[in-house]
PDB file of all heavy atoms in Angstrom:
ATOM      1  N   HIS A   1       0.806  -1.184   0.028  1.00  0.00           N
ATOM      2  CA  HIS A   1      -0.014   0.024   0.021  1.00  0.00           C
ATOM      3  C   HIS A   1       0.875   1.256   0.068  1.00  0.00           C
ATOM      4  O   HIS A   1       2.007   1.258   0.557  1.00  0.00           O
ATOM      5  CB  HIS A   1      -0.908   0.014   1.229  1.00  0.00           C
ATOM      6  CG  HIS A   1      -1.834  -1.125   1.268  1.00  0.00           C
ATOM      7  ND1 HIS A   1      -2.910  -1.273   0.468  1.00  0.00           N
ATOM      8  CD2 HIS A   1      -1.931  -2.197   2.112  1.00  0.00           C
ATOM      9  CE1 HIS A   1      -3.590  -2.388   0.696  1.00  0.00           C
ATOM     10  NE2 HIS A   1      -3.033  -2.908   1.710  1.00  0.00           N
ATOM     11  N   LYS A   2       0.298   2.316  -0.595  1.00  0.00           N
ATOM     12  CA  LYS A   2       0.950   3.628  -0.543  1.00  0.00           C
ATOM     13  C   LYS A   2       0.053   4.463   0.399  1.00  0.00           C
ATOM     14  O   LYS A   2      -1.081   4.852  -0.035  1.00  0.00           O
ATOM     15  CB  LYS A   2       1.018   4.322  -1.935  1.00  0.00           C
ATOM     16  CG  LYS A   2       1.889   3.483  -2.950  1.00  0.00           C
ATOM     17  CD  LYS A   2       3.385   3.596  -2.622  1.00  0.00           C
ATOM     18  CE  LYS A   2       4.191   2.821  -3.715  1.00  0.00           C
ATOM     19  NZ  LYS A   2       5.571   2.899  -3.442  1.00  0.00           N
ATOM     20  N   THR A   3       0.490   4.707   1.561  1.00  0.00           N
ATOM     21  CA  THR A   3      -0.386   5.217   2.562  1.00  0.00           C
ATOM     22  C   THR A   3      -0.128   6.620   2.961  1.00  0.00           C
ATOM     23  O   THR A   3       1.002   7.162   2.789  1.00  0.00           O
ATOM     24  CB  THR A   3      -0.366   4.467   3.858  1.00  0.00           C
ATOM     25  OG1 THR A   3       0.968   4.407   4.342  1.00  0.00           O
ATOM     26  CG2 THR A   3      -0.886   2.941   3.579  1.00  0.00           C
ATOM     27  N   GLU A   4      -1.069   7.433   3.479  1.00  0.00           N
ATOM     28  CA  GLU A   4      -0.908   8.687   4.093  1.00  0.00           C
ATOM     29  C   GLU A   4      -1.647   8.611   5.472  1.00  0.00           C
ATOM     30  O   GLU A   4      -2.528   7.713   5.693  1.00  0.00           O
ATOM     31  CB  GLU A   4      -1.490   9.804   3.178  1.00  0.00           C
ATOM     32  CG  GLU A   4      -2.965   9.666   2.947  1.00  0.00           C
ATOM     33  CD  GLU A   4      -3.501  10.770   2.184  1.00  0.00           C
ATOM     34  OE1 GLU A   4      -2.813  11.726   1.845  1.00  0.00           O
ATOM     35  OE2 GLU A   4      -4.690  10.772   1.756  1.00  0.00           O
ATOM     36  N   ILE A   5      -1.313   9.577   6.347  1.00  0.00           N
ATOM     37  CA  ILE A   5      -1.822   9.500   7.737  1.00  0.00           C
ATOM     38  C   ILE A   5      -3.004  10.527   7.743  1.00  0.00           C
ATOM     39  O   ILE A   5      -2.825  11.714   7.362  1.00  0.00           O
ATOM     40  CB  ILE A   5      -0.741   9.959   8.741  1.00  0.00           C
ATOM     41  CG1 ILE A   5       0.325   8.829   8.752  1.00  0.00           C
ATOM     42  CG2 ILE A   5      -1.270  10.068  10.066  1.00  0.00           C
ATOM     43  CD1 ILE A   5       1.501   9.250   9.660  1.00  0.00           C
ATOM     44  N   ILE A   6      -4.132  10.123   8.258  1.00  0.00           N
ATOM     45  CA  ILE A   6      -5.321  10.893   8.491  1.00  0.00           C
ATOM     46  C   ILE A   6      -5.517  11.092   9.966  1.00  0.00           C
ATOM     47  O   ILE A   6      -5.609  10.106  10.729  1.00  0.00           O
ATOM     48  CB  ILE A   6      -6.553  10.313   7.787  1.00  0.00           C
ATOM     49  CG1 ILE A   6      -6.271   9.998   6.333  1.00  0.00           C
ATOM     50  CG2 ILE A   6      -7.772  11.264   7.930  1.00  0.00           C
ATOM     51  CD1 ILE A   6      -6.014  11.173   5.458  1.00  0.00           C
ATOM     52  N   THR A   7      -5.674  12.330  10.433  1.00  0.00           N
ATOM     53  CA  THR A   7      -5.885  12.543  11.875  1.00  0.00           C
ATOM     54  C   THR A   7      -7.233  13.202  12.073  1.00  0.00           C
ATOM     55  O   THR A   7      -7.667  14.192  11.456  1.00  0.00           O
ATOM     56  CB  THR A   7      -4.778  13.445  12.490  1.00  0.00           C
ATOM     57  OG1 THR A   7      -3.546  12.797  12.272  1.00  0.00           O
ATOM     58  CG2 THR A   7      -5.067  13.682  13.932  1.00  0.00           C
ATOM     59  N   ALA A   8      -7.990  12.720  13.007  1.00  0.00           N
ATOM     60  CA  ALA A   8      -9.310  13.245  13.469  1.00  0.00           C
ATOM     61  C   ALA A   8      -9.102  13.706  14.947  1.00  0.00           C
ATOM     62  O   ALA A   8      -8.875  12.890  15.765  1.00  0.00           O
ATOM     63  CB  ALA A   8     -10.455  12.376  13.373  1.00  0.00           C
ATOM     64  N   GLU A   9      -9.162  15.029  15.244  1.00  0.00           N
ATOM     65  CA  GLU A   9      -8.944  15.375  16.593  1.00  0.00           C
ATOM     66  C   GLU A   9     -10.154  15.159  17.440  1.00  0.00           C
ATOM     67  O   GLU A   9     -11.365  14.981  17.064  1.00  0.00           O
ATOM     68  CB  GLU A   9      -8.794  16.984  16.611  1.00  0.00           C
ATOM     69  CG  GLU A   9      -7.621  17.479  15.780  1.00  0.00           C
ATOM     70  CD  GLU A   9      -6.291  16.954  16.342  1.00  0.00           C
ATOM     71  OE1 GLU A   9      -6.250  16.793  17.568  1.00  0.00           O
ATOM     72  OE2 GLU A   9      -5.304  16.946  15.517  1.00  0.00           O
ATOM     73  N   PRO A  10      -9.856  14.837  18.759  1.00  0.00           N
ATOM     74  CA  PRO A  10     -10.911  14.491  19.723  1.00  0.00           C
ATOM     75  C   PRO A  10     -11.727  15.730  20.105  1.00  0.00           C
ATOM     76  O   PRO A  10     -11.331  16.818  19.952  1.00  0.00           O
ATOM     77  CB  PRO A  10     -10.133  13.970  20.938  1.00  0.00           C
ATOM     78  CG  PRO A  10      -8.843  14.643  20.848  1.00  0.00           C
ATOM     79  CD  PRO A  10      -8.497  14.825  19.416  1.00  0.00           C
ATOM     80  N   THR A  11     -12.989  15.462  20.634  1.00  0.00           N
ATOM     81  CA  THR A  11     -13.797  16.445  21.193  1.00  0.00           C
ATOM     82  C   THR A  11     -13.929  16.211  22.668  1.00  0.00           C
ATOM     83  O   THR A  11     -13.320  15.342  23.137  1.00  0.00           O
ATOM     84  CB  THR A  11     -15.167  16.475  20.463  1.00  0.00           C
ATOM     85  OG1 THR A  11     -15.860  15.356  20.836  1.00  0.00           O
ATOM     86  CG2 THR A  11     -15.089  16.625  19.022  1.00  0.00           C
ATOM     87  N   CYS A  12     -14.841  16.966  23.375  1.00  0.00           N
ATOM     88  CA  CYS A  12     -15.082  16.777  24.748  1.00  0.00           C
ATOM     89  C   CYS A  12     -15.615  15.423  25.005  1.00  0.00           C
ATOM     90  O   CYS A  12     -15.349  14.798  26.133  1.00  0.00           O
ATOM     91  CB  CYS A  12     -16.002  17.760  25.357  1.00  0.00           C
ATOM     92  SG  CYS A  12     -15.376  19.545  25.249  1.00  0.00           S
ATOM     93  N   THR A  13     -16.379  14.914  24.114  1.00  0.00           N
ATOM     94  CA  THR A  13     -17.106  13.680  24.341  1.00  0.00           C
ATOM     95  C   THR A  13     -16.781  12.538  23.470  1.00  0.00           C
ATOM     96  O   THR A  13     -17.153  11.362  23.723  1.00  0.00           O
ATOM     97  CB  THR A  13     -18.695  13.900  24.173  1.00  0.00           C
ATOM     98  OG1 THR A  13     -18.933  14.405  22.887  1.00  0.00           O
ATOM     99  CG2 THR A  13     -19.099  14.950  25.213  1.00  0.00           C
ATOM    100  N   GLU A  14     -16.030  12.731  22.384  1.00  0.00           N
ATOM    101  CA  GLU A  14     -15.750  11.621  21.455  1.00  0.00           C
ATOM    102  C   GLU A  14     -14.200  11.559  21.224  1.00  0.00           C
ATOM    103  O   GLU A  14     -13.527  12.565  21.161  1.00  0.00           O
ATOM    104  CB  GLU A  14     -16.417  11.941  20.038  1.00  0.00           C
ATOM    105  CG  GLU A  14     -17.934  11.847  20.143  1.00  0.00           C
ATOM    106  CD  GLU A  14     -18.522  12.081  18.814  1.00  0.00           C
ATOM    107  OE1 GLU A  14     -17.725  12.352  17.780  1.00  0.00           O
ATOM    108  OE2 GLU A  14     -19.733  11.907  18.706  1.00  0.00           O
ATOM    109  N   ASN A  15     -13.779  10.333  21.191  1.00  0.00           N
ATOM    110  CA  ASN A  15     -12.374  10.157  20.900  1.00  0.00           C
ATOM    111  C   ASN A  15     -11.957  10.570  19.464  1.00  0.00           C
ATOM    112  O   ASN A  15     -12.844  10.433  18.511  1.00  0.00           O
ATOM    113  CB  ASN A  15     -12.037   8.580  20.965  1.00  0.00           C
ATOM    114  CG  ASN A  15     -12.093   8.111  22.467  1.00  0.00           C
ATOM    115  OD1 ASN A  15     -12.019   8.962  23.370  1.00  0.00           O
ATOM    116  ND2 ASN A  15     -12.292   6.871  22.682  1.00  0.00           N
ATOM    117  N   GLY A  16     -10.777  10.929  19.209  1.00  0.00           N
ATOM    118  CA  GLY A  16     -10.295  11.191  17.964  1.00  0.00           C
ATOM    119  C   GLY A  16      -9.424   9.876  17.580  1.00  0.00           C
ATOM    120  O   GLY A  16      -9.337   8.930  18.302  1.00  0.00           O
ATOM    121  N   PHE A  17      -8.754   9.983  16.383  1.00  0.00           N
ATOM    122  CA  PHE A  17      -8.028   8.879  16.009  1.00  0.00           C
ATOM    123  C   PHE A  17      -6.980   9.270  14.976  1.00  0.00           C
ATOM    124  O   PHE A  17      -7.030  10.361  14.366  1.00  0.00           O
ATOM    125  CB  PHE A  17      -8.908   7.729  15.372  1.00  0.00           C
ATOM    126  CG  PHE A  17      -9.711   8.218  14.238  1.00  0.00           C
ATOM    127  CD1 PHE A  17      -9.162   8.186  12.949  1.00  0.00           C
ATOM    128  CD2 PHE A  17     -10.941   8.614  14.356  1.00  0.00           C
ATOM    129  CE1 PHE A  17      -9.853   8.697  11.852  1.00  0.00           C
ATOM    130  CE2 PHE A  17     -11.826   9.043  13.231  1.00  0.00           C
ATOM    131  CZ  PHE A  17     -11.214   9.049  11.980  1.00  0.00           C
ATOM    132  N   GLU A  18      -5.981   8.389  14.841  1.00  0.00           N
ATOM    133  CA  GLU A  18      -4.992   8.609  13.737  1.00  0.00           C
ATOM    134  C   GLU A  18      -5.023   7.271  12.914  1.00  0.00           C
ATOM    135  O   GLU A  18      -4.883   6.198  13.500  1.00  0.00           O
ATOM    136  CB  GLU A  18      -3.624   8.781  14.330  1.00  0.00           C
ATOM    137  CG  GLU A  18      -2.505   9.105  13.304  1.00  0.00           C
ATOM    138  CD  GLU A  18      -1.141   9.273  13.907  1.00  0.00           C
ATOM    139  OE1 GLU A  18      -0.963  10.477  14.388  1.00  0.00           O
ATOM    140  OE2 GLU A  18      -0.313   8.357  13.994  1.00  0.00           O
ATOM    141  N   LYS A  19      -5.222   7.343  11.657  1.00  0.00           N
ATOM    142  CA  LYS A  19      -5.264   6.210  10.813  1.00  0.00           C
ATOM    143  C   LYS A  19      -4.560   6.416   9.583  1.00  0.00           C
ATOM    144  O   LYS A  19      -4.128   7.545   9.169  1.00  0.00           O
ATOM    145  CB  LYS A  19      -6.710   5.863  10.547  1.00  0.00           C
ATOM    146  CG  LYS A  19      -7.378   6.853   9.522  1.00  0.00           C
ATOM    147  CD  LYS A  19      -8.760   6.302   9.207  1.00  0.00           C
ATOM    148  CE  LYS A  19      -9.532   7.197   8.170  1.00  0.00           C
ATOM    149  NZ  LYS A  19     -10.856   6.750   7.870  1.00  0.00           N
ATOM    150  N   ILE A  20      -4.233   5.309   8.932  1.00  0.00           N
ATOM    151  CA  ILE A  20      -3.574   5.308   7.620  1.00  0.00           C
ATOM    152  C   ILE A  20      -4.536   4.943   6.527  1.00  0.00           C
ATOM    153  O   ILE A  20      -5.379   4.093   6.795  1.00  0.00           O
ATOM    154  CB  ILE A  20      -2.320   4.412   7.528  1.00  0.00           C
ATOM    155  CG1 ILE A  20      -2.650   3.015   7.929  1.00  0.00           C
ATOM    156  CG2 ILE A  20      -1.253   4.973   8.445  1.00  0.00           C
ATOM    157  CD1 ILE A  20      -1.528   2.001   7.674  1.00  0.00           C
ATOM    158  N   GLU A  21      -4.519   5.608   5.407  1.00  0.00           N
ATOM    159  CA  GLU A  21      -5.288   5.287   4.276  1.00  0.00           C
ATOM    160  C   GLU A  21      -4.424   5.116   3.039  1.00  0.00           C
ATOM    161  O   GLU A  21      -3.506   5.829   2.886  1.00  0.00           O
ATOM    162  CB  GLU A  21      -6.350   6.378   3.989  1.00  0.00           C
ATOM    163  CG  GLU A  21      -7.521   6.440   5.027  1.00  0.00           C
ATOM    164  CD  GLU A  21      -8.547   7.417   4.650  1.00  0.00           C
ATOM    165  OE1 GLU A  21      -8.349   8.210   3.712  1.00  0.00           O
ATOM    166  OE2 GLU A  21      -9.621   7.465   5.271  1.00  0.00           O
ATOM    167  N   CYS A  22      -4.800   4.039   2.280  1.00  0.00           N
ATOM    168  CA  CYS A  22      -4.027   3.915   1.056  1.00  0.00           C
ATOM    169  C   CYS A  22      -4.473   4.906  -0.021  1.00  0.00           C
ATOM    170  O   CYS A  22      -5.696   5.133  -0.228  1.00  0.00           O
ATOM    171  CB  CYS A  22      -4.149   2.448   0.453  1.00  0.00           C
ATOM    172  SG  CYS A  22      -3.271   2.057  -0.892  1.00  0.00           S
ATOM    173  N   LEU A  23      -3.589   5.434  -0.730  1.00  0.00           N
ATOM    174  CA  LEU A  23      -3.808   6.392  -1.854  1.00  0.00           C
ATOM    175  C   LEU A  23      -4.402   5.704  -3.123  1.00  0.00           C
ATOM    176  O   LEU A  23      -5.038   6.314  -3.950  1.00  0.00           O
ATOM    177  CB  LEU A  23      -2.609   7.132  -2.220  1.00  0.00           C
ATOM    178  CG  LEU A  23      -1.979   8.122  -1.150  1.00  0.00           C
ATOM    179  CD1 LEU A  23      -0.602   8.390  -1.527  1.00  0.00           C
ATOM    180  CD2 LEU A  23      -2.923   9.352  -0.993  1.00  0.00           C
ATOM    181  N   ILE A  24      -4.253   4.417  -3.164  1.00  0.00           N
ATOM    182  CA  ILE A  24      -4.633   3.723  -4.328  1.00  0.00           C
ATOM    183  C   ILE A  24      -5.914   2.886  -4.088  1.00  0.00           C
ATOM    184  O   ILE A  24      -6.870   3.052  -4.812  1.00  0.00           O
ATOM    185  CB  ILE A  24      -3.501   2.723  -4.909  1.00  0.00           C
ATOM    186  CG1 ILE A  24      -2.277   3.543  -5.150  1.00  0.00           C
ATOM    187  CG2 ILE A  24      -3.916   1.900  -6.042  1.00  0.00           C
ATOM    188  CD1 ILE A  24      -1.084   2.740  -5.486  1.00  0.00           C
ATOM    189  N   CYS A  25      -5.884   2.027  -3.055  1.00  0.00           N
ATOM    190  CA  CYS A  25      -7.014   1.126  -2.905  1.00  0.00           C
ATOM    191  C   CYS A  25      -7.870   1.615  -1.633  1.00  0.00           C
ATOM    192  O   CYS A  25      -7.733   2.745  -1.238  1.00  0.00           O
ATOM    193  CB  CYS A  25      -6.542  -0.305  -2.686  1.00  0.00           C
ATOM    194  SG  CYS A  25      -5.778  -0.658  -1.097  1.00  0.00           S
ATOM    195  N   GLU A  26      -8.758   0.800  -1.226  1.00  0.00           N
ATOM    196  CA  GLU A  26      -9.702   1.136  -0.195  1.00  0.00           C
ATOM    197  C   GLU A  26      -9.194   0.768   1.229  1.00  0.00           C
ATOM    198  O   GLU A  26      -9.927   0.778   2.204  1.00  0.00           O
ATOM    199  CB  GLU A  26     -11.064   0.578  -0.465  1.00  0.00           C
ATOM    200  CG  GLU A  26     -11.734   1.067  -1.672  1.00  0.00           C
ATOM    201  CD  GLU A  26     -13.093   0.544  -1.881  1.00  0.00           C
ATOM    202  OE1 GLU A  26     -13.514  -0.474  -1.183  1.00  0.00           O
ATOM    203  OE2 GLU A  26     -13.834   1.016  -2.749  1.00  0.00           O
ATOM    204  N   TYR A  27      -7.975   0.311   1.344  1.00  0.00           N
ATOM    205  CA  TYR A  27      -7.417  -0.081   2.633  1.00  0.00           C
ATOM    206  C   TYR A  27      -7.311   1.190   3.566  1.00  0.00           C
ATOM    207  O   TYR A  27      -6.791   2.165   3.219  1.00  0.00           O
ATOM    208  CB  TYR A  27      -6.092  -0.664   2.395  1.00  0.00           C
ATOM    209  CG  TYR A  27      -5.327  -0.975   3.746  1.00  0.00           C
ATOM    210  CD1 TYR A  27      -5.576  -2.085   4.492  1.00  0.00           C
ATOM    211  CD2 TYR A  27      -4.307  -0.095   4.143  1.00  0.00           C
ATOM    212  CE1 TYR A  27      -4.960  -2.338   5.669  1.00  0.00           C
ATOM    213  CE2 TYR A  27      -3.650  -0.332   5.245  1.00  0.00           C
ATOM    214  CZ  TYR A  27      -3.990  -1.405   6.081  1.00  0.00           C
ATOM    215  OH  TYR A  27      -3.269  -1.699   7.245  1.00  0.00           O
TER     216      TYR A  27
END
């Protein structure tokens, strides 16, 4: 996979996350 890092910041009530997504496929 050719991946990039996607970050979603947390809020007061919900967790955030850091994930990798492939630039080519749906992984």
